Amino acid sequence: MVAKTFGSAVSGVDANLITIEVNVGQGTSFYMVGLPDSAVKESQQRVESALKYFGFRMPRQKVVIGHQFSPRRYS
């Protein structure tokens, strides 16, 4: 694992904790796992756009970004 961070998702008046883990390995693919189908496609474009904006390039390796929703709720 290269990096691990935390985020949150708002659902109504509840906030859910999300764990985000990034792994870079051999290969040339970009994967996002743990999100619904349409959200995955949109998220891939957002990640690539954000990297370009800050002057970075997509690594020429396999990148896997995993999202895990925590069962604990915050409000």
PDB file of N, CA and C in Angstrom:
ATOM      1  N   MET A   1       0.851  -1.171   0.000  1.00  0.00           N
ATOM      2  CA  MET A   1       0.000   0.000   0.000  1.00  0.00           C
ATOM      3  C   MET A   1       0.897   1.235   0.000  1.00  0.00           C
ATOM      4  N   VAL A   2       0.597   2.166  -0.895  1.00  0.00           N
ATOM      5  CA  VAL A   2       1.364   3.398  -1.010  1.00  0.00           C
ATOM      6  C   VAL A   2       0.835   4.460  -0.050  1.00  0.00           C
ATOM      7  N   ALA A   3      -0.489   4.592   0.021  1.00  0.00           N
ATOM      8  CA  ALA A   3      -1.080   5.634   0.860  1.00  0.00           C
ATOM      9  C   ALA A   3      -2.425   5.183   1.402  1.00  0.00           C
ATOM     10  N   LYS A   4      -2.779   5.726   2.567  1.00  0.00           N
ATOM     11  CA  LYS A   4      -4.078   5.464   3.179  1.00  0.00           C
ATOM     12  C   LYS A   4      -4.560   6.775   3.780  1.00  0.00           C
ATOM     13  N   THR A   5      -5.819   7.117   3.500  1.00  0.00           N
ATOM     14  CA  THR A   5      -6.395   8.342   4.041  1.00  0.00           C
ATOM     15  C   THR A   5      -7.864   8.085   4.369  1.00  0.00           C
ATOM     16  N   PHE A   6      -8.496   9.041   4.960  1.00  0.00           N
ATOM     17  CA  PHE A   6      -9.894   8.898   5.355  1.00  0.00           C
ATOM     18  C   PHE A   6     -10.707  10.047   4.771  1.00  0.00           C
ATOM     19  N   GLY A   7     -11.952   9.777   4.489  1.00  0.00           N
ATOM     20  CA  GLY A   7     -12.869  10.782   3.984  1.00  0.00           C
ATOM     21  C   GLY A   7     -14.236  10.531   4.589  1.00  0.00           C
ATOM     22  N   SER A   8     -15.235  11.220   4.070  1.00  0.00           N
ATOM     23  CA  SER A   8     -16.594  10.999   4.563  1.00  0.00           C
ATOM     24  C   SER A   8     -17.584  11.165   3.421  1.00  0.00           C
ATOM     25  N   ALA A   9     -18.717  10.527   3.591  1.00  0.00           N
ATOM     26  CA  ALA A   9     -19.812  10.635   2.631  1.00  0.00           C
ATOM     27  C   ALA A   9     -21.058  11.032   3.403  1.00  0.00           C
ATOM     28  N   VAL A  10     -21.776  12.010   2.903  1.00  0.00           N
ATOM     29  CA  VAL A  10     -22.982  12.484   3.565  1.00  0.00           C
ATOM     30  C   VAL A  10     -24.189  11.797   2.945  1.00  0.00           C
ATOM     31  N   SER A  11     -25.027  11.262   3.797  1.00  0.00           N
ATOM     32  CA  SER A  11     -26.262  10.624   3.376  1.00  0.00           C
ATOM     33  C   SER A  11     -27.383  11.180   4.243  1.00  0.00           C
ATOM     34  N   GLY A  12     -28.125  12.125   3.703  1.00  0.00           N
ATOM     35  CA  GLY A  12     -29.162  12.785   4.515  1.00  0.00           C
ATOM     36  C   GLY A  12     -28.492  13.649   5.570  1.00  0.00           C
ATOM     37  N   VAL A  13     -28.781  13.372   6.840  1.00  0.00           N
ATOM     38  CA  VAL A  13     -28.135  14.102   7.933  1.00  0.00           C
ATOM     39  C   VAL A  13     -27.006  13.299   8.556  1.00  0.00           C
ATOM     40  N   ASP A  14     -26.748  12.090   8.044  1.00  0.00           N
ATOM     41  CA  ASP A  14     -25.688  11.240   8.568  1.00  0.00           C
ATOM     42  C   ASP A  14     -24.421  11.378   7.731  1.00  0.00           C
ATOM     43  N   ALA A  15     -23.287  11.226   8.376  1.00  0.00           N
ATOM     44  CA  ALA A  15     -21.995  11.200   7.678  1.00  0.00           C
ATOM     45  C   ALA A  15     -21.351   9.844   7.933  1.00  0.00           C
ATOM     46  N   ASN A  16     -20.854   9.214   6.880  1.00  0.00           N
ATOM     47  CA  ASN A  16     -20.210   7.909   6.986  1.00  0.00           C
ATOM     48  C   ASN A  16     -18.722   8.048   6.717  1.00  0.00           C
ATOM     49  N   LEU A  17     -17.911   7.387   7.531  1.00  0.00           N
ATOM     50  CA  LEU A  17     -16.468   7.394   7.360  1.00  0.00           C
ATOM     51  C   LEU A  17     -16.085   6.481   6.201  1.00  0.00           C
ATOM     52  N   ILE A  18     -15.147   6.933   5.349  1.00  0.00           N
ATOM     53  CA  ILE A  18     -14.653   6.151   4.228  1.00  0.00           C
ATOM     54  C   ILE A  18     -13.146   6.028   4.371  1.00  0.00           C
ATOM     55  N   THR A  19     -12.624   4.821   4.226  1.00  0.00           N
ATOM     56  CA  THR A  19     -11.187   4.583   4.192  1.00  0.00           C
ATOM     57  C   THR A  19     -10.774   4.450   2.737  1.00  0.00           C
ATOM     58  N   ILE A  20      -9.749   5.186   2.323  1.00  0.00           N
ATOM     59  CA  ILE A  20      -9.273   5.160   0.938  1.00  0.00           C
ATOM     60  C   ILE A  20      -7.829   4.684   0.946  1.00  0.00           C
ATOM     61  N   GLU A  21      -7.558   3.606   0.210  1.00  0.00           N
ATOM     62  CA  GLU A  21      -6.217   3.040   0.139  1.00  0.00           C
ATOM     63  C   GLU A  21      -5.759   3.029  -1.315  1.00  0.00           C
ATOM     64  N   VAL A  22      -4.494   3.385  -1.549  1.00  0.00           N
ATOM     65  CA  VAL A  22      -3.928   3.409  -2.897  1.00  0.00           C
ATOM     66  C   VAL A  22      -2.746   2.456  -2.943  1.00  0.00           C
ATOM     67  N   ASN A  23      -2.704   1.648  -4.002  1.00  0.00           N
ATOM     68  CA  ASN A  23      -1.610   0.719  -4.212  1.00  0.00           C
ATOM     69  C   ASN A  23      -1.115   0.870  -5.644  1.00  0.00           C
ATOM     70  N   VAL A  24       0.192   0.928  -5.828  1.00  0.00           N
ATOM     71  CA  VAL A  24       0.793   1.018  -7.155  1.00  0.00           C
ATOM     72  C   VAL A  24       1.682  -0.200  -7.337  1.00  0.00           C
ATOM     73  N   GLY A  25       1.506  -0.903  -8.459  1.00  0.00           N
ATOM     74  CA  GLY A  25       2.283  -2.112  -8.705  1.00  0.00           C
ATOM     75  C   GLY A  25       2.604  -2.270 -10.177  1.00  0.00           C
ATOM     76  N   GLN A  26       2.989  -3.476 -10.556  1.00  0.00           N
ATOM     77  CA  GLN A  26       3.332  -3.745 -11.949  1.00  0.00           C
ATOM     78  C   GLN A  26       2.085  -3.777 -12.813  1.00  0.00           C
ATOM     79  N   GLY A  27       2.213  -3.295 -14.025  1.00  0.00           N
ATOM     80  CA  GLY A  27       1.096  -3.257 -14.958  1.00  0.00           C
ATOM     81  C   GLY A  27       0.883  -1.838 -15.461  1.00  0.00           C
ATOM     82  N   THR A  28      -0.168  -1.635 -16.249  1.00  0.00           N
ATOM     83  CA  THR A  28      -0.438  -0.303 -16.809  1.00  0.00           C
ATOM     84  C   THR A  28      -1.911   0.063 -16.720  1.00  0.00           C
ATOM     85  N   SER A  29      -2.604  -0.393 -15.721  1.00  0.00           N
ATOM     86  CA  SER A  29      -4.046  -0.154 -15.600  1.00  0.00           C
ATOM     87  C   SER A  29      -4.357   0.768 -14.435  1.00  0.00           C
ATOM     88  N   PHE A  30      -5.572   1.296 -14.443  1.00  0.00           N
ATOM     89  CA  PHE A  30      -6.069   2.160 -13.381  1.00  0.00           C
ATOM     90  C   PHE A  30      -7.399   1.595 -12.922  1.00  0.00           C
ATOM     91  N   TYR A  31      -7.499   1.220 -11.651  1.00  0.00           N
ATOM     92  CA  TYR A  31      -8.721   0.613 -11.116  1.00  0.00           C
ATOM     93  C   TYR A  31      -9.197   1.396  -9.900  1.00  0.00           C
ATOM     94  N   MET A  32     -10.508   1.566  -9.806  1.00  0.00           N
ATOM     95  CA  MET A  32     -11.121   2.091  -8.594  1.00  0.00           C
ATOM     96  C   MET A  32     -12.153   1.072  -8.158  1.00  0.00           C
ATOM     97  N   VAL A  33     -12.056   0.629  -6.915  1.00  0.00           N
ATOM     98  CA  VAL A  33     -12.950  -0.410  -6.422  1.00  0.00           C
ATOM     99  C   VAL A  33     -13.682   0.089  -5.179  1.00  0.00           C
ATOM    100  N   GLY A  34     -14.835  -0.490  -4.935  1.00  0.00           N
ATOM    101  CA  GLY A  34     -15.600  -0.149  -3.746  1.00  0.00           C
ATOM    102  C   GLY A  34     -16.663   0.916  -3.953  1.00  0.00           C
ATOM    103  N   LEU A  35     -16.894   1.335  -5.189  1.00  0.00           N
ATOM    104  CA  LEU A  35     -17.925   2.329  -5.487  1.00  0.00           C
ATOM    105  C   LEU A  35     -18.906   1.755  -6.497  1.00  0.00           C
ATOM    106  N   PRO A  36     -20.137   2.271  -6.547  1.00  0.00           N
ATOM    107  CA  PRO A  36     -21.078   1.841  -7.585  1.00  0.00           C
ATOM    108  C   PRO A  36     -20.537   2.138  -8.978  1.00  0.00           C
ATOM    109  N   ASP A  37     -21.017   1.413  -9.987  1.00  0.00           N
ATOM    110  CA  ASP A  37     -20.476   1.481 -11.350  1.00  0.00           C
ATOM    111  C   ASP A  37     -20.345   2.890 -11.918  1.00  0.00           C
ATOM    112  N   SER A  38     -21.407   3.685 -11.895  1.00  0.00           N
ATOM    113  CA  SER A  38     -21.346   5.017 -12.502  1.00  0.00           C
ATOM    114  C   SER A  38     -20.413   5.938 -11.718  1.00  0.00           C
ATOM    115  N   ALA A  39     -20.353   5.767 -10.413  1.00  0.00           N
ATOM    116  CA  ALA A  39     -19.468   6.595  -9.597  1.00  0.00           C
ATOM    117  C   ALA A  39     -18.006   6.282  -9.880  1.00  0.00           C
ATOM    118  N   VAL A  40     -17.689   5.032 -10.186  1.00  0.00           N
ATOM    119  CA  VAL A  40     -16.303   4.642 -10.472  1.00  0.00           C
ATOM    120  C   VAL A  40     -15.798   5.356 -11.710  1.00  0.00           C
ATOM    121  N   LYS A  41     -16.581   5.351 -12.776  1.00  0.00           N
ATOM    122  CA  LYS A  41     -16.156   5.977 -14.023  1.00  0.00           C
ATOM    123  C   LYS A  41     -15.932   7.476 -13.829  1.00  0.00           C
ATOM    124  N   GLU A  42     -16.819   8.134 -13.145  1.00  0.00           N
ATOM    125  CA  GLU A  42     -16.677   9.563 -12.890  1.00  0.00           C
ATOM    126  C   GLU A  42     -15.470   9.842 -11.998  1.00  0.00           C
ATOM    127  N   SER A  43     -15.231   9.021 -11.002  1.00  0.00           N
ATOM    128  CA  SER A  43     -14.110   9.218 -10.088  1.00  0.00           C
ATOM    129  C   SER A  43     -12.781   9.074 -10.792  1.00  0.00           C
ATOM    130  N   GLN A  44     -12.666   8.133 -11.724  1.00  0.00           N
ATOM    131  CA  GLN A  44     -11.420   7.968 -12.471  1.00  0.00           C
ATOM    132  C   GLN A  44     -11.078   9.248 -13.219  1.00  0.00           C
ATOM    133  N   GLN A  45     -12.051   9.855 -13.841  1.00  0.00           N
ATOM    134  CA  GLN A  45     -11.811  11.092 -14.579  1.00  0.00           C
ATOM    135  C   GLN A  45     -11.434  12.232 -13.636  1.00  0.00           C
ATOM    136  N   ARG A  46     -12.039  12.272 -12.462  1.00  0.00           N
ATOM    137  CA  ARG A  46     -11.717  13.324 -11.491  1.00  0.00           C
ATOM    138  C   ARG A  46     -10.288  13.185 -10.972  1.00  0.00           C
ATOM    139  N   VAL A  47      -9.869  11.957 -10.711  1.00  0.00           N
ATOM    140  CA  VAL A  47      -8.504  11.726 -10.224  1.00  0.00           C
ATOM    141  C   VAL A  47      -7.489  12.146 -11.285  1.00  0.00           C
ATOM    142  N   GLU A  48      -7.696  11.718 -12.519  1.00  0.00           N
ATOM    143  CA  GLU A  48      -6.779  12.087 -13.598  1.00  0.00           C
ATOM    144  C   GLU A  48      -6.734  13.603 -13.794  1.00  0.00           C
ATOM    145  N   SER A  49      -7.878  14.258 -13.750  1.00  0.00           N
ATOM    146  CA  SER A  49      -7.942  15.708 -13.914  1.00  0.00           C
ATOM    147  C   SER A  49      -7.215  16.421 -12.776  1.00  0.00           C
ATOM    148  N   ALA A  50      -7.404  15.972 -11.545  1.00  0.00           N
ATOM    149  CA  ALA A  50      -6.746  16.596 -10.393  1.00  0.00           C
ATOM    150  C   ALA A  50      -5.232  16.439 -10.484  1.00  0.00           C
ATOM    151  N   LEU A  51      -4.756  15.269 -10.901  1.00  0.00           N
ATOM    152  CA  LEU A  51      -3.313  15.068 -11.043  1.00  0.00           C
ATOM    153  C   LEU A  51      -2.726  16.009 -12.099  1.00  0.00           C
ATOM    154  N   LYS A  52      -3.415  16.130 -13.234  1.00  0.00           N
ATOM    155  CA  LYS A  52      -2.947  17.027 -14.296  1.00  0.00           C
ATOM    156  C   LYS A  52      -2.929  18.476 -13.821  1.00  0.00           C
ATOM    157  N   TYR A  53      -3.962  18.886 -13.095  1.00  0.00           N
ATOM    158  CA  TYR A  53      -4.062  20.262 -12.604  1.00  0.00           C
ATOM    159  C   TYR A  53      -2.870  20.634 -11.724  1.00  0.00           C
ATOM    160  N   PHE A  54      -2.429  19.695 -10.879  1.00  0.00           N
ATOM    161  CA  PHE A  54      -1.325  19.963  -9.963  1.00  0.00           C
ATOM    162  C   PHE A  54       0.044  19.614 -10.557  1.00  0.00           C
ATOM    163  N   GLY A  55       0.081  19.337 -11.862  1.00  0.00           N
ATOM    164  CA  GLY A  55       1.351  19.135 -12.539  1.00  0.00           C
ATOM    165  C   GLY A  55       1.914  17.727 -12.459  1.00  0.00           C
ATOM    166  N   PHE A  56       1.100  16.756 -12.068  1.00  0.00           N
ATOM    167  CA  PHE A  56       1.548  15.370 -11.995  1.00  0.00           C
ATOM    168  C   PHE A  56       1.054  14.608 -13.211  1.00  0.00           C
ATOM    169  N   ARG A  57       1.682  13.478 -13.482  1.00  0.00           N
ATOM    170  CA  ARG A  57       1.231  12.587 -14.548  1.00  0.00           C
ATOM    171  C   ARG A  57       0.777  11.275 -13.916  1.00  0.00           C
ATOM    172  N   MET A  58      -0.132  10.608 -14.604  1.00  0.00           N
ATOM    173  CA  MET A  58      -0.546   9.277 -14.148  1.00  0.00           C
ATOM    174  C   MET A  58       0.658   8.348 -14.232  1.00  0.00           C
ATOM    175  N   PRO A  59       0.919   7.570 -13.196  1.00  0.00           N
ATOM    176  CA  PRO A  59       2.043   6.645 -13.271  1.00  0.00           C
ATOM    177  C   PRO A  59       1.813   5.603 -14.362  1.00  0.00           C
ATOM    178  N   ARG A  60       2.882   5.156 -14.985  1.00  0.00           N
ATOM    179  CA  ARG A  60       2.784   4.140 -16.020  1.00  0.00           C
ATOM    180  C   ARG A  60       2.861   2.761 -15.376  1.00  0.00           C
ATOM    181  N   GLN A  61       2.129   2.612 -14.295  1.00  0.00           N
ATOM    182  CA  GLN A  61       2.057   1.359 -13.556  1.00  0.00           C
ATOM    183  C   GLN A  61       0.602   1.076 -13.228  1.00  0.00           C
ATOM    184  N   LYS A  62       0.360  -0.092 -12.680  1.00  0.00           N
ATOM    185  CA  LYS A  62      -0.995  -0.437 -12.256  1.00  0.00           C
ATOM    186  C   LYS A  62      -1.313   0.317 -10.969  1.00  0.00           C
ATOM    187  N   VAL A  63      -2.413   1.059 -10.973  1.00  0.00           N
ATOM    188  CA  VAL A  63      -2.846   1.829  -9.807  1.00  0.00           C
ATOM    189  C   VAL A  63      -4.203   1.289  -9.376  1.00  0.00           C
ATOM    190  N   VAL A  64      -4.323   0.917  -8.098  1.00  0.00           N
ATOM    191  CA  VAL A  64      -5.590   0.436  -7.545  1.00  0.00           C
ATOM    192  C   VAL A  64      -5.970   1.357  -6.390  1.00  0.00           C
ATOM    193  N   ILE A  65      -7.156   1.955  -6.473  1.00  0.00           N
ATOM    194  CA  ILE A  65      -7.670   2.812  -5.409  1.00  0.00           C
ATOM    195  C   ILE A  65      -8.907   2.144  -4.846  1.00  0.00           C
ATOM    196  N   GLY A  66      -8.863   1.802  -3.572  1.00  0.00           N
ATOM    197  CA  GLY A  66      -9.975   1.110  -2.931  1.00  0.00           C
ATOM    198  C   GLY A  66     -10.691   2.006  -1.940  1.00  0.00           C
ATOM    199  N   HIS A  67     -12.012   1.934  -1.953  1.00  0.00           N
ATOM    200  CA  HIS A  67     -12.854   2.699  -1.025  1.00  0.00           C
ATOM    201  C   HIS A  67     -13.594   1.705  -0.137  1.00  0.00           C
ATOM    202  N   GLN A  68     -13.538   1.921   1.173  1.00  0.00           N
ATOM    203  CA  GLN A  68     -14.275   1.076   2.108  1.00  0.00           C
ATOM    204  C   GLN A  68     -15.137   1.969   2.976  1.00  0.00           C
ATOM    205  N   PHE A  69     -16.418   1.645   3.027  1.00  0.00           N
ATOM    206  CA  PHE A  69     -17.317   2.391   3.879  1.00  0.00           C
ATOM    207  C   PHE A  69     -17.294   1.769   5.257  1.00  0.00           C
ATOM    208  N   SER A  70     -17.099   2.584   6.271  1.00  0.00           N
ATOM    209  CA  SER A  70     -17.073   2.112   7.638  1.00  0.00           C
ATOM    210  C   SER A  70     -18.514   1.931   8.145  1.00  0.00           C
ATOM    211  N   PRO A  71     -18.759   0.913   8.958  1.00  0.00           N
ATOM    212  CA  PRO A  71     -20.109   0.740   9.483  1.00  0.00           C
ATOM    213  C   PRO A  71     -20.465   1.787  10.545  1.00  0.00           C
ATOM    214  N   ARG A  72     -19.476   2.485  11.079  1.00  0.00           N
ATOM    215  CA  ARG A  72     -19.743   3.497  12.105  1.00  0.00           C
ATOM    216  C   ARG A  72     -20.277   4.759  11.476  1.00  0.00           C
ATOM    217  N   ARG A  73     -21.318   5.331  12.028  1.00  0.00           N
ATOM    218  CA  ARG A  73     -21.928   6.557  11.501  1.00  0.00           C
ATOM    219  C   ARG A  73     -21.595   7.739  12.399  1.00  0.00           C
ATOM    220  N   TYR A  74     -21.369   8.888  11.762  1.00  0.00           N
ATOM    221  CA  TYR A  74     -21.117  10.126  12.477  1.00  0.00           C
ATOM    222  C   TYR A  74     -22.220  11.110  12.132  1.00  0.00           C
ATOM    223  N   SER A  75     -22.620  11.904  13.080  1.00  0.00           N
ATOM    224  CA  SER A  75     -23.641  12.917  12.788  1.00  0.00           C
ATOM    225  C   SER A  75     -23.383  14.176  13.581  1.00  0.00           C
TER     226      SER A  75
END
